[in-house]
Amino acid sequence: MAGLSSLVLLAVLARAGREMYGYEIAKAVKAEGEGGLIFKQGAIYPVLRSLHATGLLESRVEASAFGPPRRYYNITESGRRALAEWQFAWRDMREFVDDALKGGGMVQGTAYEPQPSA
């Protein structure tokens, strides 16, 4: 799920066109996903750190009048290139999965009926 999370976080920051801090990014992800998060809010921080460590994001820390300092993230040019590549790969993967699912649940010519898990 980390790869998908990276794609989503880079897309949110690219679309925002400005730097954002972690909680603000989490709120934007939730708003764009119409309330359905693919990962928990706390899980974005390790992904943001990883994206920063690989040079896809830049960050800075700023003191906050209301609580601990905030780390602001912004997408880099390398991040924009990676996002474009990942979006292309995602479209291909989505088409592949959609095509596989268009079979209407048929497996080798018979209707597929899911079995309850034990």
PDB file of N, CA and C in Angstrom:
ATOM      1  N   MET A   1       0.824  -1.191   0.000  1.00  0.00           N
ATOM      2  CA  MET A   1       0.000   0.000   0.000  1.00  0.00           C
ATOM      3  C   MET A   1       0.870   1.258   0.000  1.00  0.00           C
ATOM      4  N   ALA A   2       2.147   1.122   0.374  1.00  0.00           N
ATOM      5  CA  ALA A   2       3.020   2.301   0.434  1.00  0.00           C
ATOM      6  C   ALA A   2       3.180   2.961  -0.925  1.00  0.00           C
ATOM      7  N   GLY A   3       3.263   2.162  -2.005  1.00  0.00           N
ATOM      8  CA  GLY A   3       3.387   2.735  -3.340  1.00  0.00           C
ATOM      9  C   GLY A   3       2.163   3.539  -3.713  1.00  0.00           C
ATOM     10  N   LEU A   4       0.995   3.016  -3.398  1.00  0.00           N
ATOM     11  CA  LEU A   4      -0.247   3.727  -3.674  1.00  0.00           C
ATOM     12  C   LEU A   4      -0.341   4.982  -2.813  1.00  0.00           C
ATOM     13  N   SER A   5       0.066   4.892  -1.568  1.00  0.00           N
ATOM     14  CA  SER A   5       0.066   6.045  -0.674  1.00  0.00           C
ATOM     15  C   SER A   5       0.994   7.133  -1.206  1.00  0.00           C
ATOM     16  N   SER A   6       2.150   6.734  -1.700  1.00  0.00           N
ATOM     17  CA  SER A   6       3.098   7.697  -2.268  1.00  0.00           C
ATOM     18  C   SER A   6       2.486   8.423  -3.453  1.00  0.00           C
ATOM     19  N   LEU A   7       1.832   7.673  -4.317  1.00  0.00           N
ATOM     20  CA  LEU A   7       1.180   8.253  -5.487  1.00  0.00           C
ATOM     21  C   LEU A   7       0.136   9.281  -5.059  1.00  0.00           C
ATOM     22  N   VAL A   8      -0.686   8.927  -4.095  1.00  0.00           N
ATOM     23  CA  VAL A   8      -1.748   9.828  -3.625  1.00  0.00           C
ATOM     24  C   VAL A   8      -1.148  11.085  -2.993  1.00  0.00           C
ATOM     25  N   LEU A   9      -0.140  10.923  -2.143  1.00  0.00           N
ATOM     26  CA  LEU A   9       0.450  12.088  -1.466  1.00  0.00           C
ATOM     27  C   LEU A   9       1.130  13.026  -2.456  1.00  0.00           C
ATOM     28  N   LEU A  10       1.856  12.475  -3.415  1.00  0.00           N
ATOM     29  CA  LEU A  10       2.473  13.324  -4.434  1.00  0.00           C
ATOM     30  C   LEU A  10       1.406  14.064  -5.246  1.00  0.00           C
ATOM     31  N   ALA A  11       0.322  13.377  -5.577  1.00  0.00           N
ATOM     32  CA  ALA A  11      -0.753  14.007  -6.348  1.00  0.00           C
ATOM     33  C   ALA A  11      -1.406  15.141  -5.572  1.00  0.00           C
ATOM     34  N   VAL A  12      -1.638  14.937  -4.287  1.00  0.00           N
ATOM     35  CA  VAL A  12      -2.245  15.983  -3.450  1.00  0.00           C
ATOM     36  C   VAL A  12      -1.353  17.213  -3.402  1.00  0.00           C
ATOM     37  N   LEU A  13      -0.059  17.003  -3.198  1.00  0.00           N
ATOM     38  CA  LEU A  13       0.861  18.142  -3.126  1.00  0.00           C
ATOM     39  C   LEU A  13       1.015  18.830  -4.482  1.00  0.00           C
ATOM     40  N   ALA A  14       1.038  18.060  -5.562  1.00  0.00           N
ATOM     41  CA  ALA A  14       1.156  18.663  -6.898  1.00  0.00           C
ATOM     42  C   ALA A  14      -0.079  19.494  -7.206  1.00  0.00           C
ATOM     43  N   ARG A  15      -1.241  18.962  -6.879  1.00  0.00           N
ATOM     44  CA  ARG A  15      -2.491  19.666  -7.142  1.00  0.00           C
ATOM     45  C   ARG A  15      -2.617  20.930  -6.296  1.00  0.00           C
ATOM     46  N   ALA A  16      -2.113  20.870  -5.062  1.00  0.00           N
ATOM     47  CA  ALA A  16      -2.202  22.027  -4.167  1.00  0.00           C
ATOM     48  C   ALA A  16      -1.366  23.190  -4.697  1.00  0.00           C
ATOM     49  N   GLY A  17      -0.232  22.871  -5.288  1.00  0.00           N
ATOM     50  CA  GLY A  17       0.631  23.910  -5.831  1.00  0.00           C
ATOM     51  C   GLY A  17       1.288  24.777  -4.772  1.00  0.00           C
ATOM     52  N   ARG A  18       1.343  24.280  -3.560  1.00  0.00           N
ATOM     53  CA  ARG A  18       1.967  25.009  -2.452  1.00  0.00           C
ATOM     54  C   ARG A  18       2.410  24.000  -1.408  1.00  0.00           C
ATOM     55  N   GLU A  19       3.228  24.460  -0.470  1.00  0.00           N
ATOM     56  CA  GLU A  19       3.653  23.560   0.598  1.00  0.00           C
ATOM     57  C   GLU A  19       2.510  23.368   1.584  1.00  0.00           C
ATOM     58  N   MET A  20       2.509  22.185   2.197  1.00  0.00           N
ATOM     59  CA  MET A  20       1.473  21.835   3.165  1.00  0.00           C
ATOM     60  C   MET A  20       2.130  21.065   4.304  1.00  0.00           C
ATOM     61  N   TYR A  21       1.536  21.157   5.499  1.00  0.00           N
ATOM     62  CA  TYR A  21       2.041  20.362   6.622  1.00  0.00           C
ATOM     63  C   TYR A  21       1.235  19.070   6.731  1.00  0.00           C
ATOM     64  N   GLY A  22       1.772  18.124   7.492  1.00  0.00           N
ATOM     65  CA  GLY A  22       1.227  16.766   7.537  1.00  0.00           C
ATOM     66  C   GLY A  22      -0.263  16.664   7.764  1.00  0.00           C
ATOM     67  N   TYR A  23      -0.779  17.317   8.795  1.00  0.00           N
ATOM     68  CA  TYR A  23      -2.205  17.213   9.101  1.00  0.00           C
ATOM     69  C   TYR A  23      -3.043  17.819   7.977  1.00  0.00           C
ATOM     70  N   GLU A  24      -2.554  18.890   7.394  1.00  0.00           N
ATOM     71  CA  GLU A  24      -3.247  19.540   6.275  1.00  0.00           C
ATOM     72  C   GLU A  24      -3.303  18.589   5.068  1.00  0.00           C
ATOM     73  N   ILE A  25      -2.211  17.861   4.833  1.00  0.00           N
ATOM     74  CA  ILE A  25      -2.172  16.883   3.748  1.00  0.00           C
ATOM     75  C   ILE A  25      -3.183  15.774   4.023  1.00  0.00           C
ATOM     76  N   ALA A  26      -3.224  15.298   5.266  1.00  0.00           N
ATOM     77  CA  ALA A  26      -4.165  14.238   5.638  1.00  0.00           C
ATOM     78  C   ALA A  26      -5.605  14.683   5.408  1.00  0.00           C
ATOM     79  N   LYS A  27      -5.925  15.925   5.765  1.00  0.00           N
ATOM     80  CA  LYS A  27      -7.278  16.442   5.540  1.00  0.00           C
ATOM     81  C   LYS A  27      -7.584  16.525   4.050  1.00  0.00           C
ATOM     82  N   ALA A  28      -6.608  16.935   3.251  1.00  0.00           N
ATOM     83  CA  ALA A  28      -6.805  17.030   1.799  1.00  0.00           C
ATOM     84  C   ALA A  28      -7.036  15.649   1.197  1.00  0.00           C
ATOM     85  N   VAL A  29      -6.289  14.651   1.666  1.00  0.00           N
ATOM     86  CA  VAL A  29      -6.463  13.279   1.176  1.00  0.00           C
ATOM     87  C   VAL A  29      -7.869  12.803   1.513  1.00  0.00           C
ATOM     88  N   LYS A  30      -8.301  13.046   2.725  1.00  0.00           N
ATOM     89  CA  LYS A  30      -9.636  12.623   3.152  1.00  0.00           C
ATOM     90  C   LYS A  30     -10.702  13.322   2.318  1.00  0.00           C
ATOM     91  N   ALA A  31     -10.548  14.625   2.073  1.00  0.00           N
ATOM     92  CA  ALA A  31     -11.527  15.380   1.285  1.00  0.00           C
ATOM     93  C   ALA A  31     -11.582  14.885  -0.153  1.00  0.00           C
ATOM     94  N   GLU A  32     -10.430  14.617  -0.747  1.00  0.00           N
ATOM     95  CA  GLU A  32     -10.396  14.151  -2.134  1.00  0.00           C
ATOM     96  C   GLU A  32     -10.938  12.744  -2.272  1.00  0.00           C
ATOM     97  N   GLY A  33     -10.770  11.941  -1.222  1.00  0.00           N
ATOM     98  CA  GLY A  33     -11.270  10.566  -1.257  1.00  0.00           C
ATOM     99  C   GLY A  33     -12.697  10.464  -0.783  1.00  0.00           C
ATOM    100  N   GLU A  34     -13.392  11.594  -0.647  1.00  0.00           N
ATOM    101  CA  GLU A  34     -14.768  11.654  -0.182  1.00  0.00           C
ATOM    102  C   GLU A  34     -14.944  10.870   1.112  1.00  0.00           C
ATOM    103  N   GLY A  35     -13.994  11.039   2.007  1.00  0.00           N
ATOM    104  CA  GLY A  35     -14.107  10.451   3.334  1.00  0.00           C
ATOM    105  C   GLY A  35     -13.538   9.059   3.466  1.00  0.00           C
ATOM    106  N   GLY A  36     -13.211   8.394   2.377  1.00  0.00           N
ATOM    107  CA  GLY A  36     -12.711   7.029   2.456  1.00  0.00           C
ATOM    108  C   GLY A  36     -11.201   6.984   2.343  1.00  0.00           C
ATOM    109  N   LEU A  37     -10.513   6.975   3.475  1.00  0.00           N
ATOM    110  CA  LEU A  37      -9.050   6.927   3.449  1.00  0.00           C
ATOM    111  C   LEU A  37      -8.572   5.532   3.096  1.00  0.00           C
ATOM    112  N   ILE A  38      -7.539   5.483   2.265  1.00  0.00           N
ATOM    113  CA  ILE A  38      -6.934   4.188   1.947  1.00  0.00           C
ATOM    114  C   ILE A  38      -5.880   3.828   2.984  1.00  0.00           C
ATOM    115  N   PHE A  39      -5.554   4.774   3.840  1.00  0.00           N
ATOM    116  CA  PHE A  39      -4.602   4.533   4.907  1.00  0.00           C
ATOM    117  C   PHE A  39      -4.921   5.480   6.051  1.00  0.00           C
ATOM    118  N   LYS A  40      -4.505   5.117   7.240  1.00  0.00           N
ATOM    119  CA  LYS A  40      -4.787   5.936   8.408  1.00  0.00           C
ATOM    120  C   LYS A  40      -3.931   7.191   8.404  1.00  0.00           C
ATOM    121  N   GLN A  41      -4.442   8.233   9.041  1.00  0.00           N
ATOM    122  CA  GLN A  41      -3.755   9.526   9.058  1.00  0.00           C
ATOM    123  C   GLN A  41      -2.318   9.393   9.547  1.00  0.00           C
ATOM    124  N   GLY A  42      -2.090   8.646  10.605  1.00  0.00           N
ATOM    125  CA  GLY A  42      -0.743   8.493  11.145  1.00  0.00           C
ATOM    126  C   GLY A  42       0.209   7.787  10.198  1.00  0.00           C
ATOM    127  N   ALA A  43      -0.339   7.038   9.254  1.00  0.00           N
ATOM    128  CA  ALA A  43       0.495   6.294   8.317  1.00  0.00           C
ATOM    129  C   ALA A  43       1.099   7.185   7.237  1.00  0.00           C
ATOM    130  N   ILE A  44       0.611   8.411   7.082  1.00  0.00           N
ATOM    131  CA  ILE A  44       1.170   9.264   6.031  1.00  0.00           C
ATOM    132  C   ILE A  44       2.552   9.781   6.398  1.00  0.00           C
ATOM    133  N   TYR A  45       2.836   9.922   7.694  1.00  0.00           N
ATOM    134  CA  TYR A  45       4.104  10.527   8.100  1.00  0.00           C
ATOM    135  C   TYR A  45       5.327   9.712   7.674  1.00  0.00           C
ATOM    136  N   PRO A  46       5.328   8.393   7.861  1.00  0.00           N
ATOM    137  CA  PRO A  46       6.481   7.626   7.358  1.00  0.00           C
ATOM    138  C   PRO A  46       6.608   7.719   5.830  1.00  0.00           C
ATOM    139  N   VAL A  47       5.485   7.780   5.119  1.00  0.00           N
ATOM    140  CA  VAL A  47       5.531   7.885   3.665  1.00  0.00           C
ATOM    141  C   VAL A  47       6.085   9.254   3.265  1.00  0.00           C
ATOM    142  N   LEU A  48       5.651  10.305   3.946  1.00  0.00           N
ATOM    143  CA  LEU A  48       6.188  11.647   3.675  1.00  0.00           C
ATOM    144  C   LEU A  48       7.695  11.684   3.927  1.00  0.00           C
ATOM    145  N   ARG A  49       8.139  11.077   5.034  1.00  0.00           N
ATOM    146  CA  ARG A  49       9.583  11.048   5.335  1.00  0.00           C
ATOM    147  C   ARG A  49      10.351  10.286   4.265  1.00  0.00           C
ATOM    148  N   SER A  50       9.774   9.190   3.805  1.00  0.00           N
ATOM    149  CA  SER A  50      10.420   8.397   2.762  1.00  0.00           C
ATOM    150  C   SER A  50      10.505   9.183   1.448  1.00  0.00           C
ATOM    151  N   LEU A  51       9.431   9.854   1.077  1.00  0.00           N
ATOM    152  CA  LEU A  51       9.431  10.668  -0.142  1.00  0.00           C
ATOM    153  C   LEU A  51      10.446  11.801  -0.037  1.00  0.00           C
ATOM    154  N   HIS A  52      10.580  12.352   1.160  1.00  0.00           N
ATOM    155  CA  HIS A  52      11.569  13.415   1.393  1.00  0.00           C
ATOM    156  C   HIS A  52      12.987  12.853   1.277  1.00  0.00           C
ATOM    157  N   ALA A  53      13.206  11.686   1.878  1.00  0.00           N
ATOM    158  CA  ALA A  53      14.537  11.069   1.866  1.00  0.00           C
ATOM    159  C   ALA A  53      14.995  10.722   0.454  1.00  0.00           C
ATOM    160  N   THR A  54      14.051  10.421  -0.428  1.00  0.00           N
ATOM    161  CA  THR A  54      14.404  10.064  -1.805  1.00  0.00           C
ATOM    162  C   THR A  54      14.429  11.276  -2.732  1.00  0.00           C
ATOM    163  N   GLY A  55      14.180  12.466  -2.182  1.00  0.00           N
ATOM    164  CA  GLY A  55      14.264  13.689  -2.973  1.00  0.00           C
ATOM    165  C   GLY A  55      13.015  14.040  -3.763  1.00  0.00           C
ATOM    166  N   LEU A  56      11.912  13.303  -3.515  1.00  0.00           N
ATOM    167  CA  LEU A  56      10.677  13.597  -4.239  1.00  0.00           C
ATOM    168  C   LEU A  56       9.890  14.724  -3.576  1.00  0.00           C
ATOM    169  N   LEU A  57      10.195  14.963  -2.311  1.00  0.00           N
ATOM    170  CA  LEU A  57       9.618  16.088  -1.579  1.00  0.00           C
ATOM    171  C   LEU A  57      10.738  16.868  -0.921  1.00  0.00           C
ATOM    172  N   GLU A  58      10.518  18.159  -0.733  1.00  0.00           N
ATOM    173  CA  GLU A  58      11.403  18.961   0.109  1.00  0.00           C
ATOM    174  C   GLU A  58      10.589  19.354   1.330  1.00  0.00           C
ATOM    175  N   SER A  59      11.272  19.675   2.416  1.00  0.00           N
ATOM    176  CA  SER A  59      10.533  20.035   3.628  1.00  0.00           C
ATOM    177  C   SER A  59      11.287  21.102   4.405  1.00  0.00           C
ATOM    178  N   ARG A  60      10.525  21.750   5.253  1.00  0.00           N
ATOM    179  CA  ARG A  60      11.099  22.718   6.184  1.00  0.00           C
ATOM    180  C   ARG A  60      10.256  22.683   7.447  1.00  0.00           C
ATOM    181  N   VAL A  61      10.858  23.060   8.564  1.00  0.00           N
ATOM    182  CA  VAL A  61      10.166  23.073   9.851  1.00  0.00           C
ATOM    183  C   VAL A  61       9.931  24.522  10.246  1.00  0.00           C
ATOM    184  N   GLU A  62       8.732  24.781  10.728  1.00  0.00           N
ATOM    185  CA  GLU A  62       8.371  26.132  11.172  1.00  0.00           C
ATOM    186  C   GLU A  62       7.722  26.041  12.545  1.00  0.00           C
ATOM    187  N   ALA A  63       8.104  26.950  13.427  1.00  0.00           N
ATOM    188  CA  ALA A  63       7.507  26.997  14.756  1.00  0.00           C
ATOM    189  C   ALA A  63       6.015  27.287  14.636  1.00  0.00           C
ATOM    190  N   SER A  64       5.255  26.728  15.558  1.00  0.00           N
ATOM    191  CA  SER A  64       3.816  26.938  15.582  1.00  0.00           C
ATOM    192  C   SER A  64       3.422  27.607  16.890  1.00  0.00           C
ATOM    193  N   ALA A  65       2.533  28.570  16.817  1.00  0.00           N
ATOM    194  CA  ALA A  65       2.057  29.247  18.028  1.00  0.00           C
ATOM    195  C   ALA A  65       1.161  28.331  18.848  1.00  0.00           C
ATOM    196  N   PHE A  66       0.635  27.289  18.222  1.00  0.00           N
ATOM    197  CA  PHE A  66      -0.310  26.394  18.886  1.00  0.00           C
ATOM    198  C   PHE A  66       0.183  24.958  18.852  1.00  0.00           C
ATOM    199  N   GLY A  67       1.203  24.650  19.616  1.00  0.00           N
ATOM    200  CA  GLY A  67       1.688  23.278  19.664  1.00  0.00           C
ATOM    201  C   GLY A  67       3.096  23.132  19.126  1.00  0.00           C
ATOM    202  N   PRO A  68       3.439  21.893  18.783  1.00  0.00           N
ATOM    203  CA  PRO A  68       4.802  21.617  18.318  1.00  0.00           C
ATOM    204  C   PRO A  68       5.061  22.236  16.944  1.00  0.00           C
ATOM    205  N   PRO A  69       6.328  22.322  16.565  1.00  0.00           N
ATOM    206  CA  PRO A  69       6.653  22.851  15.227  1.00  0.00           C
ATOM    207  C   PRO A  69       6.007  21.998  14.134  1.00  0.00           C
ATOM    208  N   ARG A  70       5.735  22.626  13.018  1.00  0.00           N
ATOM    209  CA  ARG A  70       5.129  21.926  11.883  1.00  0.00           C
ATOM    210  C   ARG A  70       6.167  21.747  10.783  1.00  0.00           C
ATOM    211  N   ARG A  71       6.131  20.549  10.176  1.00  0.00           N
ATOM    212  CA  ARG A  71       6.995  20.289   9.022  1.00  0.00           C
ATOM    213  C   ARG A  71       6.139  20.462   7.768  1.00  0.00           C
ATOM    214  N   TYR A  72       6.570  21.371   6.910  1.00  0.00           N
ATOM    215  CA  TYR A  72       5.878  21.650   5.660  1.00  0.00           C
ATOM    216  C   TYR A  72       6.573  20.905   4.523  1.00  0.00           C
ATOM    217  N   TYR A  73       5.771  20.320   3.643  1.00  0.00           N
ATOM    218  CA  TYR A  73       6.286  19.552   2.509  1.00  0.00           C
ATOM    219  C   TYR A  73       5.860  20.207   1.209  1.00  0.00           C
ATOM    220  N   ASN A  74       6.726  20.089   0.210  1.00  0.00           N
ATOM    221  CA  ASN A  74       6.425  20.556  -1.131  1.00  0.00           C
ATOM    222  C   ASN A  74       7.022  19.561  -2.117  1.00  0.00           C
ATOM    223  N   ILE A  75       6.352  19.345  -3.229  1.00  0.00           N
ATOM    224  CA  ILE A  75       6.844  18.404  -4.229  1.00  0.00           C
ATOM    225  C   ILE A  75       7.999  19.038  -5.003  1.00  0.00           C
ATOM    226  N   THR A  76       9.005  18.249  -5.285  1.00  0.00           N
ATOM    227  CA  THR A  76      10.166  18.721  -6.059  1.00  0.00           C
ATOM    228  C   THR A  76       9.941  18.418  -7.539  1.00  0.00           C
ATOM    229  N   GLU A  77      10.848  18.891  -8.371  1.00  0.00           N
ATOM    230  CA  GLU A  77      10.764  18.577  -9.798  1.00  0.00           C
ATOM    231  C   GLU A  77      10.915  17.073 -10.010  1.00  0.00           C
ATOM    232  N   SER A  78      11.794  16.442  -9.247  1.00  0.00           N
ATOM    233  CA  SER A  78      11.928  14.972  -9.327  1.00  0.00           C
ATOM    234  C   SER A  78      10.623  14.299  -8.914  1.00  0.00           C
ATOM    235  N   GLY A  79       9.965  14.862  -7.915  1.00  0.00           N
ATOM    236  CA  GLY A  79       8.674  14.337  -7.471  1.00  0.00           C
ATOM    237  C   GLY A  79       7.612  14.446  -8.555  1.00  0.00           C
ATOM    238  N   ARG A  80       7.632  15.552  -9.288  1.00  0.00           N
ATOM    239  CA  ARG A  80       6.669  15.737 -10.392  1.00  0.00           C
ATOM    240  C   ARG A  80       6.918  14.714 -11.508  1.00  0.00           C
ATOM    241  N   ARG A  81       8.186  14.456 -11.799  1.00  0.00           N
ATOM    242  CA  ARG A  81       8.505  13.451 -12.827  1.00  0.00           C
ATOM    243  C   ARG A  81       8.071  12.060 -12.371  1.00  0.00           C
ATOM    244  N   ALA A  82       8.357  11.734 -11.109  1.00  0.00           N
ATOM    245  CA  ALA A  82       7.950  10.429 -10.573  1.00  0.00           C
ATOM    246  C   ALA A  82       6.434  10.303 -10.582  1.00  0.00           C
ATOM    247  N   LEU A  83       5.748  11.365 -10.211  1.00  0.00           N
ATOM    248  CA  LEU A  83       4.283  11.348 -10.207  1.00  0.00           C
ATOM    249  C   LEU A  83       3.753  11.057 -11.608  1.00  0.00           C
ATOM    250  N   ALA A  84       4.300  11.699 -12.608  1.00  0.00           N
ATOM    251  CA  ALA A  84       3.851  11.472 -13.987  1.00  0.00           C
ATOM    252  C   ALA A  84       4.061  10.008 -14.388  1.00  0.00           C
ATOM    253  N   GLU A  85       5.214   9.453 -14.035  1.00  0.00           N
ATOM    254  CA  GLU A  85       5.499   8.046 -14.363  1.00  0.00           C
ATOM    255  C   GLU A  85       4.548   7.118 -13.622  1.00  0.00           C
ATOM    256  N   TRP A  86       4.325   7.378 -12.334  1.00  0.00           N
ATOM    257  CA  TRP A  86       3.449   6.526 -11.520  1.00  0.00           C
ATOM    258  C   TRP A  86       2.005   6.635 -11.970  1.00  0.00           C
ATOM    259  N   GLN A  87       1.575   7.824 -12.406  1.00  0.00           N
ATOM    260  CA  GLN A  87       0.205   7.967 -12.912  1.00  0.00           C
ATOM    261  C   GLN A  87       0.016   7.119 -14.167  1.00  0.00           C
ATOM    262  N   PHE A  88       1.000   7.124 -15.033  1.00  0.00           N
ATOM    263  CA  PHE A  88       0.933   6.313 -16.245  1.00  0.00           C
ATOM    264  C   PHE A  88       0.843   4.829 -15.874  1.00  0.00           C
ATOM    265  N   ALA A  89       1.698   4.389 -14.953  1.00  0.00           N
ATOM    266  CA  ALA A  89       1.696   2.989 -14.517  1.00  0.00           C
ATOM    267  C   ALA A  89       0.368   2.639 -13.845  1.00  0.00           C
ATOM    268  N   TRP A  90      -0.180   3.565 -13.069  1.00  0.00           N
ATOM    269  CA  TRP A  90      -1.459   3.333 -12.385  1.00  0.00           C
ATOM    270  C   TRP A  90      -2.585   3.160 -13.402  1.00  0.00           C
ATOM    271  N   ARG A  91      -2.609   3.996 -14.439  1.00  0.00           N
ATOM    272  CA  ARG A  91      -3.644   3.878 -15.470  1.00  0.00           C
ATOM    273  C   ARG A  91      -3.574   2.499 -16.141  1.00  0.00           C
ATOM    274  N   ASP A  92      -2.359   2.061 -16.458  1.00  0.00           N
ATOM    275  CA  ASP A  92      -2.188   0.734 -17.058  1.00  0.00           C
ATOM    276  C   ASP A  92      -2.683  -0.360 -16.128  1.00  0.00           C
ATOM    277  N   MET A  93      -2.312  -0.261 -14.857  1.00  0.00           N
ATOM    278  CA  MET A  93      -2.719  -1.278 -13.880  1.00  0.00           C
ATOM    279  C   MET A  93      -4.237  -1.270 -13.698  1.00  0.00           C
ATOM    280  N   ARG A  94      -4.812  -0.088 -13.610  1.00  0.00           N
ATOM    281  CA  ARG A  94      -6.268   0.030 -13.425  1.00  0.00           C
ATOM    282  C   ARG A  94      -7.000  -0.585 -14.622  1.00  0.00           C
ATOM    283  N   GLU A  95      -6.525  -0.308 -15.841  1.00  0.00           N
ATOM    284  CA  GLU A  95      -7.141  -0.888 -17.036  1.00  0.00           C
ATOM    285  C   GLU A  95      -7.029  -2.415 -17.026  1.00  0.00           C
ATOM    286  N   PHE A  96      -5.868  -2.912 -16.628  1.00  0.00           N
ATOM    287  CA  PHE A  96      -5.654  -4.357 -16.559  1.00  0.00           C
ATOM    288  C   PHE A  96      -6.638  -4.998 -15.577  1.00  0.00           C
ATOM    289  N   VAL A  97      -6.766  -4.406 -14.394  1.00  0.00           N
ATOM    290  CA  VAL A  97      -7.671  -4.955 -13.377  1.00  0.00           C
ATOM    291  C   VAL A  97      -9.122  -4.832 -13.834  1.00  0.00           C
ATOM    292  N   ASP A  98      -9.484  -3.681 -14.400  1.00  0.00           N
ATOM    293  CA  ASP A  98     -10.850  -3.503 -14.905  1.00  0.00           C
ATOM    294  C   ASP A  98     -11.173  -4.559 -15.962  1.00  0.00           C
ATOM    295  N   ASP A  99     -10.246  -4.794 -16.880  1.00  0.00           N
ATOM    296  CA  ASP A  99     -10.457  -5.808 -17.914  1.00  0.00           C
ATOM    297  C   ASP A  99     -10.623  -7.194 -17.298  1.00  0.00           C
ATOM    298  N   ALA A 100      -9.824  -7.501 -16.297  1.00  0.00           N
ATOM    299  CA  ALA A 100      -9.916  -8.809 -15.643  1.00  0.00           C
ATOM    300  C   ALA A 100     -11.255  -8.969 -14.933  1.00  0.00           C
ATOM    301  N   LEU A 101     -11.774  -7.882 -14.386  1.00  0.00           N
ATOM    302  CA  LEU A 101     -13.038  -7.947 -13.651  1.00  0.00           C
ATOM    303  C   LEU A 101     -14.265  -7.917 -14.555  1.00  0.00           C
ATOM    304  N   LYS A 102     -14.093  -7.522 -15.801  1.00  0.00           N
ATOM    305  CA  LYS A 102     -15.230  -7.441 -16.726  1.00  0.00           C
ATOM    306  C   LYS A 102     -15.817  -8.806 -17.051  1.00  0.00           C
ATOM    307  N   GLY A 103     -15.114  -9.861 -16.689  1.00  0.00           N
ATOM    308  CA  GLY A 103     -15.616 -11.201 -16.959  1.00  0.00           C
ATOM    309  C   GLY A 103     -16.873 -11.531 -16.178  1.00  0.00           C
ATOM    310  N   GLY A 104     -17.337 -10.634 -15.334  1.00  0.00           N
ATOM    311  CA  GLY A 104     -18.575 -10.857 -14.600  1.00  0.00           C
ATOM    312  C   GLY A 104     -18.492 -11.960 -13.562  1.00  0.00           C
ATOM    313  N   GLY A 105     -17.303 -12.185 -13.035  1.00  0.00           N
ATOM    314  CA  GLY A 105     -17.174 -13.207 -12.001  1.00  0.00           C
ATOM    315  C   GLY A 105     -17.092 -14.617 -12.556  1.00  0.00           C
ATOM    316  N   MET A 106     -16.776 -14.756 -13.832  1.00  0.00           N
ATOM    317  CA  MET A 106     -16.697 -16.074 -14.441  1.00  0.00           C
ATOM    318  C   MET A 106     -15.286 -16.634 -14.284  1.00  0.00           C
ATOM    319  N   VAL A 107     -15.193 -17.854 -13.846  1.00  0.00           N
ATOM    320  CA  VAL A 107     -13.919 -18.541 -13.734  1.00  0.00           C
ATOM    321  C   VAL A 107     -14.031 -19.826 -14.545  1.00  0.00           C
ATOM    322  N   GLN A 108     -13.254 -19.937 -15.604  1.00  0.00           N
ATOM    323  CA  GLN A 108     -13.243 -21.108 -16.490  1.00  0.00           C
ATOM    324  C   GLN A 108     -14.660 -21.498 -16.911  1.00  0.00           C
ATOM    325  N   GLY A 109     -15.474 -20.517 -17.294  1.00  0.00           N
ATOM    326  CA  GLY A 109     -16.788 -20.786 -17.847  1.00  0.00           C
ATOM    327  C   GLY A 109     -17.879 -21.056 -16.838  1.00  0.00           C
ATOM    328  N   THR A 110     -17.573 -21.044 -15.558  1.00  0.00           N
ATOM    329  CA  THR A 110     -18.601 -21.269 -14.553  1.00  0.00           C
ATOM    330  C   THR A 110     -18.714 -20.036 -13.665  1.00  0.00           C
ATOM    331  N   ALA A 111     -19.881 -19.843 -13.127  1.00  0.00           N
ATOM    332  CA  ALA A 111     -20.091 -18.699 -12.247  1.00  0.00           C
ATOM    333  C   ALA A 111     -19.251 -18.873 -10.988  1.00  0.00           C
ATOM    334  N   TYR A 112     -18.577 -17.833 -10.611  1.00  0.00           N
ATOM    335  CA  TYR A 112     -17.738 -17.861  -9.416  1.00  0.00           C
ATOM    336  C   TYR A 112     -18.577 -17.464  -8.215  1.00  0.00           C
ATOM    337  N   GLU A 113     -18.584 -18.284  -7.210  1.00  0.00           N
ATOM    338  CA  GLU A 113     -19.284 -17.968  -5.980  1.00  0.00           C
ATOM    339  C   GLU A 113     -18.260 -17.964  -4.859  1.00  0.00           C
ATOM    340  N   PRO A 114     -18.012 -16.779  -4.271  1.00  0.00           N
ATOM    341  CA  PRO A 114     -17.037 -16.715  -3.197  1.00  0.00           C
ATOM    342  C   PRO A 114     -17.428 -17.603  -2.024  1.00  0.00           C
ATOM    343  N   GLN A 115     -16.445 -18.261  -1.464  1.00  0.00           N
ATOM    344  CA  GLN A 115     -16.674 -19.118  -0.313  1.00  0.00           C
ATOM    345  C   GLN A 115     -16.338 -18.336   0.959  1.00  0.00           C
ATOM    346  N   PRO A 116     -17.137 -18.481   1.996  1.00  0.00           N
ATOM    347  CA  PRO A 116     -16.820 -17.776   3.258  1.00  0.00           C
ATOM    348  C   PRO A 116     -15.494 -18.255   3.809  1.00  0.00           C
ATOM    349  N   SER A 117     -14.748 -17.298   4.350  1.00  0.00           N
ATOM    350  CA  SER A 117     -13.461 -17.669   4.931  1.00  0.00           C
ATOM    351  C   SER A 117     -13.661 -18.274   6.300  1.00  0.00           C
ATOM    352  N   ALA A 118     -12.754 -19.147   6.644  1.00  0.00           N
ATOM    353  CA  ALA A 118     -12.886 -19.867   7.932  1.00  0.00           C
ATOM    354  C   ALA A 118     -12.451 -19.013   9.068  1.00  0.00           C
TER     355      ALA A 118
END
